[in-house]
Structures are given as C-alpha cells and as structure tokens.
Amino acid sequence: MYSLRKYGVISWVIHINIPYFLTISMPLKR
C-alpha cells in the first residue's frame, strides 16, 4: 500500500511537470 501511494505521488509530480517542461523546451528548440 505504501509503495502504491509513493507511485501515485511520483506520477502526480510527473503529470504536473510535463506541461512545464514542454513550455521550457519549446522555445529552446526554436
């Protein structure tokens, strides 16, 4: 149960950071 909760937190952090990362990488590719 604890590991499942830990995985949920990690997936939540990744889900939040993906749009932020894309916003940064988009101008750099230009």
C-alpha atoms as a PDB file:
ATOM      1  CA  MET A   1       0.000   0.000   0.000  1.00  0.00           C
ATOM      2  CA  TYR A   2       2.811   2.384   0.873  1.00  0.00           C
ATOM      3  CA  SER A   3       4.655   1.757  -2.407  1.00  0.00           C
ATOM      4  CA  LEU A   4       1.410   2.313  -4.325  1.00  0.00           C
ATOM      5  CA  ARG A   5       0.950   5.650  -2.578  1.00  0.00           C
ATOM      6  CA  LYS A   6       4.557   6.575  -3.372  1.00  0.00           C
ATOM      7  CA  TYR A   7       3.981   5.708  -7.040  1.00  0.00           C
ATOM      8  CA  GLY A   8       0.859   7.902  -7.034  1.00  0.00           C
ATOM      9  CA  VAL A   9       2.870  10.869  -5.771  1.00  0.00           C
ATOM     10  CA  ILE A  10       5.580  10.320  -8.407  1.00  0.00           C
ATOM     11  CA  SER A  11       3.026  10.056 -11.228  1.00  0.00           C
ATOM     12  CA  TRP A  12       1.300  13.211  -9.934  1.00  0.00           C
ATOM     13  CA  VAL A  13       4.590  15.153  -9.907  1.00  0.00           C
ATOM     14  CA  ILE A  14       5.383  13.962 -13.456  1.00  0.00           C
ATOM     15  CA  HIS A  15       1.877  14.882 -14.639  1.00  0.00           C
ATOM     16  CA  ILE A  16       2.320  18.419 -13.243  1.00  0.00           C
ATOM     17  CA  ASN A  17       5.861  18.838 -14.615  1.00  0.00           C
ATOM     18  CA  ILE A  18       5.232  17.629 -18.203  1.00  0.00           C
ATOM     19  CA  PRO A  19       3.462  20.853 -19.389  1.00  0.00           C
ATOM     20  CA  TYR A  20       6.074  22.950 -17.552  1.00  0.00           C
ATOM     21  CA  PHE A  21       8.924  21.041 -19.208  1.00  0.00           C
ATOM     22  CA  LEU A  22       7.298  21.339 -22.654  1.00  0.00           C
ATOM     23  CA  THR A  23       6.850  25.096 -22.176  1.00  0.00           C
ATOM     24  CA  ILE A  24      10.594  25.409 -21.495  1.00  0.00           C
ATOM     25  CA  SER A  25      11.801  23.041 -24.248  1.00  0.00           C
ATOM     26  CA  MET A  26       9.624  24.605 -26.968  1.00  0.00           C
ATOM     27  CA  PRO A  27      11.446  27.993 -27.139  1.00  0.00           C
ATOM     28  CA  LEU A  28      14.827  26.234 -26.849  1.00  0.00           C
ATOM     29  CA  LYS A  29      14.123  24.166 -29.970  1.00  0.00           C
ATOM     30  CA  ARG A  30      13.456  27.356 -31.923  1.00  0.00           C
END
